N, C-alpha and C. Protein backbone atom coordinates (compact mmCIF):
# COMPACT_ATOMS: atom_id res chain seq x y z
N MET A 1 0.84 -1.17 0.00
CA MET A 1 0.00 0.00 0.00
C MET A 1 0.90 1.24 0.00
N CYS A 2 0.50 2.22 -0.77
CA CYS A 2 1.24 3.48 -0.85
C CYS A 2 0.40 4.59 -0.24
N LEU A 3 1.05 5.46 0.49
CA LEU A 3 0.37 6.58 1.12
C LEU A 3 0.99 7.90 0.68
N GLY A 4 0.15 8.89 0.51
CA GLY A 4 0.65 10.24 0.32
C GLY A 4 0.86 10.85 1.69
N ILE A 5 1.84 11.71 1.80
CA ILE A 5 2.18 12.33 3.08
C ILE A 5 1.88 13.82 3.02
N PRO A 6 1.03 14.34 3.90
CA PRO A 6 0.79 15.78 3.95
C PRO A 6 2.04 16.50 4.46
N MET A 7 2.45 17.52 3.73
CA MET A 7 3.61 18.30 4.13
C MET A 7 3.31 19.78 3.96
N GLN A 8 3.98 20.60 4.78
CA GLN A 8 3.83 22.04 4.68
C GLN A 8 4.98 22.62 3.88
N VAL A 9 4.66 23.51 2.97
CA VAL A 9 5.67 24.17 2.13
C VAL A 9 6.42 25.21 2.97
N LEU A 10 7.74 25.12 2.95
CA LEU A 10 8.58 26.09 3.64
C LEU A 10 9.12 27.15 2.69
N ASN A 11 9.61 26.70 1.53
CA ASN A 11 10.19 27.58 0.51
C ASN A 11 9.83 27.03 -0.86
N VAL A 12 9.71 27.93 -1.83
CA VAL A 12 9.46 27.51 -3.22
C VAL A 12 10.55 28.12 -4.08
N ASP A 13 11.18 27.28 -4.91
CA ASP A 13 12.20 27.72 -5.86
C ASP A 13 11.89 27.07 -7.19
N GLY A 14 11.16 27.78 -8.04
CA GLY A 14 10.78 27.20 -9.32
C GLY A 14 9.80 26.05 -9.11
N PHE A 15 10.19 24.87 -9.62
CA PHE A 15 9.34 23.68 -9.49
C PHE A 15 9.80 22.77 -8.35
N VAL A 16 10.53 23.32 -7.39
CA VAL A 16 10.97 22.55 -6.23
C VAL A 16 10.59 23.33 -4.97
N ALA A 17 10.02 22.59 -4.02
CA ALA A 17 9.66 23.20 -2.74
C ALA A 17 10.35 22.44 -1.62
N GLN A 18 10.83 23.17 -0.65
CA GLN A 18 11.32 22.53 0.57
C GLN A 18 10.09 22.41 1.46
N CYS A 19 9.78 21.18 1.89
CA CYS A 19 8.59 20.92 2.67
C CYS A 19 8.97 20.22 3.97
N GLU A 20 8.04 20.30 4.95
CA GLU A 20 8.29 19.72 6.27
C GLU A 20 7.05 19.00 6.76
N ALA A 21 7.29 17.86 7.42
CA ALA A 21 6.23 17.12 8.11
C ALA A 21 6.83 16.42 9.31
N LYS A 22 6.27 16.65 10.47
CA LYS A 22 6.71 15.97 11.70
C LYS A 22 8.21 16.13 11.94
N GLY A 23 8.76 17.31 11.62
CA GLY A 23 10.17 17.59 11.85
C GLY A 23 11.11 17.11 10.77
N VAL A 24 10.59 16.48 9.73
CA VAL A 24 11.42 15.98 8.62
C VAL A 24 11.23 16.90 7.42
N GLN A 25 12.35 17.35 6.84
CA GLN A 25 12.30 18.22 5.68
C GLN A 25 12.75 17.47 4.44
N ARG A 26 12.08 17.75 3.32
CA ARG A 26 12.40 17.12 2.05
C ARG A 26 12.22 18.14 0.94
N ASP A 27 13.01 17.96 -0.13
CA ASP A 27 12.77 18.70 -1.36
C ASP A 27 11.71 17.93 -2.14
N VAL A 28 10.70 18.64 -2.62
CA VAL A 28 9.55 18.03 -3.28
C VAL A 28 9.37 18.69 -4.65
N SER A 29 9.16 17.87 -5.67
CA SER A 29 8.90 18.39 -7.01
C SER A 29 7.49 18.94 -7.10
N LEU A 30 7.36 20.13 -7.67
CA LEU A 30 6.06 20.75 -7.89
C LEU A 30 5.62 20.61 -9.35
N PHE A 31 6.33 19.80 -10.12
CA PHE A 31 6.08 19.67 -11.55
C PHE A 31 4.62 19.32 -11.85
N LEU A 32 4.01 18.47 -11.04
CA LEU A 32 2.63 18.05 -11.31
C LEU A 32 1.60 19.10 -10.91
N LEU A 33 2.03 20.13 -10.22
CA LEU A 33 1.13 21.21 -9.80
C LEU A 33 1.53 22.54 -10.43
N GLN A 34 2.00 22.50 -11.66
CA GLN A 34 2.50 23.71 -12.32
C GLN A 34 1.47 24.84 -12.37
N ASP A 35 0.18 24.50 -12.47
CA ASP A 35 -0.85 25.52 -12.60
C ASP A 35 -1.46 25.92 -11.25
N GLU A 36 -0.92 25.38 -10.18
CA GLU A 36 -1.44 25.66 -8.83
C GLU A 36 -0.49 26.62 -8.12
N PRO A 37 -0.95 27.82 -7.77
CA PRO A 37 -0.05 28.74 -7.05
C PRO A 37 0.22 28.21 -5.64
N LEU A 38 1.50 28.07 -5.31
CA LEU A 38 1.90 27.59 -3.98
C LEU A 38 2.85 28.58 -3.34
N ALA A 39 2.72 28.73 -2.04
CA ALA A 39 3.55 29.67 -1.29
C ALA A 39 3.89 29.05 0.05
N PRO A 40 4.93 29.56 0.70
CA PRO A 40 5.25 29.07 2.04
C PRO A 40 4.02 29.13 2.94
N GLY A 41 3.82 28.04 3.69
CA GLY A 41 2.66 27.94 4.57
C GLY A 41 1.56 27.07 4.00
N ASP A 42 1.56 26.86 2.67
CA ASP A 42 0.57 25.99 2.05
C ASP A 42 0.87 24.53 2.39
N PHE A 43 -0.11 23.67 2.22
CA PHE A 43 0.04 22.24 2.44
C PHE A 43 -0.16 21.50 1.14
N VAL A 44 0.63 20.45 0.95
CA VAL A 44 0.52 19.60 -0.24
C VAL A 44 0.57 18.14 0.19
N MET A 45 -0.05 17.29 -0.63
CA MET A 45 0.04 15.84 -0.45
C MET A 45 1.21 15.39 -1.31
N VAL A 46 2.18 14.68 -0.69
CA VAL A 46 3.40 14.27 -1.37
C VAL A 46 3.43 12.76 -1.53
N HIS A 47 3.72 12.32 -2.73
CA HIS A 47 3.85 10.88 -3.02
C HIS A 47 5.10 10.69 -3.87
N VAL A 48 5.99 9.84 -3.43
CA VAL A 48 7.28 9.52 -4.08
C VAL A 48 8.01 10.78 -4.57
N GLY A 49 8.02 11.81 -3.73
CA GLY A 49 8.79 13.01 -4.01
C GLY A 49 8.09 14.06 -4.84
N TYR A 50 6.83 13.81 -5.22
CA TYR A 50 6.06 14.76 -6.02
C TYR A 50 4.86 15.27 -5.23
N ALA A 51 4.64 16.57 -5.25
CA ALA A 51 3.40 17.13 -4.70
C ALA A 51 2.31 16.79 -5.71
N ILE A 52 1.28 16.08 -5.26
CA ILE A 52 0.23 15.65 -6.18
C ILE A 52 -1.07 16.41 -5.97
N GLN A 53 -1.16 17.18 -4.88
CA GLN A 53 -2.40 17.88 -4.61
C GLN A 53 -2.16 18.95 -3.55
N LYS A 54 -2.73 20.12 -3.76
CA LYS A 54 -2.73 21.15 -2.73
C LYS A 54 -3.88 20.81 -1.78
N MET A 55 -3.68 21.05 -0.49
CA MET A 55 -4.71 20.73 0.49
C MET A 55 -4.77 21.81 1.56
N SER A 56 -5.86 21.82 2.28
CA SER A 56 -6.01 22.80 3.36
C SER A 56 -5.26 22.30 4.60
N ALA A 57 -5.04 23.20 5.53
CA ALA A 57 -4.39 22.83 6.80
C ALA A 57 -5.25 21.80 7.54
N GLN A 58 -6.57 21.95 7.48
CA GLN A 58 -7.47 21.00 8.15
C GLN A 58 -7.38 19.62 7.51
N GLU A 59 -7.32 19.55 6.18
CA GLU A 59 -7.18 18.25 5.50
C GLU A 59 -5.87 17.57 5.90
N ALA A 60 -4.79 18.36 5.97
CA ALA A 60 -3.49 17.81 6.37
C ALA A 60 -3.55 17.31 7.82
N ARG A 61 -4.15 18.07 8.70
CA ARG A 61 -4.27 17.70 10.11
C ARG A 61 -5.10 16.42 10.24
N SER A 62 -6.20 16.32 9.51
CA SER A 62 -7.06 15.13 9.56
C SER A 62 -6.31 13.89 9.06
N ALA A 63 -5.54 14.05 7.99
CA ALA A 63 -4.76 12.92 7.47
C ALA A 63 -3.75 12.45 8.50
N TRP A 64 -3.04 13.39 9.14
CA TRP A 64 -2.05 12.99 10.15
C TRP A 64 -2.71 12.35 11.37
N GLU A 65 -3.90 12.79 11.74
CA GLU A 65 -4.61 12.15 12.84
C GLU A 65 -4.92 10.68 12.51
N LEU A 66 -5.35 10.44 11.28
CA LEU A 66 -5.61 9.06 10.85
C LEU A 66 -4.33 8.23 10.81
N TYR A 67 -3.27 8.80 10.26
CA TYR A 67 -2.00 8.07 10.19
C TYR A 67 -1.48 7.74 11.59
N ASP A 68 -1.57 8.72 12.50
CA ASP A 68 -1.11 8.49 13.87
C ASP A 68 -1.94 7.38 14.54
N GLU A 69 -3.24 7.38 14.27
CA GLU A 69 -4.10 6.34 14.84
C GLU A 69 -3.71 4.96 14.28
N MET A 70 -3.47 4.88 12.98
CA MET A 70 -3.06 3.60 12.38
C MET A 70 -1.73 3.13 12.96
N LEU A 71 -0.78 4.04 13.09
CA LEU A 71 0.52 3.66 13.65
C LEU A 71 0.37 3.21 15.10
N GLY A 72 -0.48 3.87 15.84
CA GLY A 72 -0.72 3.47 17.22
C GLY A 72 -1.31 2.09 17.31
N GLN A 73 -2.19 1.74 16.41
CA GLN A 73 -2.77 0.40 16.37
C GLN A 73 -1.71 -0.64 16.03
N LEU A 74 -0.84 -0.31 15.08
CA LEU A 74 0.22 -1.26 14.70
C LEU A 74 1.19 -1.47 15.85
N GLU A 75 1.56 -0.40 16.53
CA GLU A 75 2.51 -0.50 17.64
C GLU A 75 1.89 -1.23 18.84
N GLY A 76 0.59 -1.08 18.99
CA GLY A 76 -0.09 -1.72 20.11
C GLY A 76 -0.55 -3.14 19.80
N GLY A 77 -0.33 -3.57 18.56
CA GLY A 77 -0.70 -4.94 18.18
C GLY A 77 -2.18 -5.08 17.85
N GLY A 78 -2.87 -3.96 17.63
CA GLY A 78 -4.30 -4.02 17.37
C GLY A 78 -4.68 -4.33 15.95
N VAL A 79 -3.75 -4.27 15.02
CA VAL A 79 -4.03 -4.51 13.60
C VAL A 79 -3.04 -5.54 13.09
N ASP A 80 -3.53 -6.51 12.33
CA ASP A 80 -2.63 -7.49 11.71
C ASP A 80 -1.84 -6.80 10.62
N ALA A 81 -0.53 -6.88 10.69
CA ALA A 81 0.32 -6.23 9.70
C ALA A 81 0.62 -7.13 8.55
């Protein structure tokens, strides 16, 4: 299973953005969102190094809440891995 990771844009330089999630920073390609205006503070869904969708802060927060819950279940043995 593949998951997109919500990340916050820190800086934009052409088609590359420096993004952060949970204290981890990555350079992310904006090539797939060429027609979407992005600025520091915006949130994007990142999959294999590409921003695939702009999202709201609430959407990013909701996604991380779900991911944290899934990880908690895996760590607690509540879900078969």
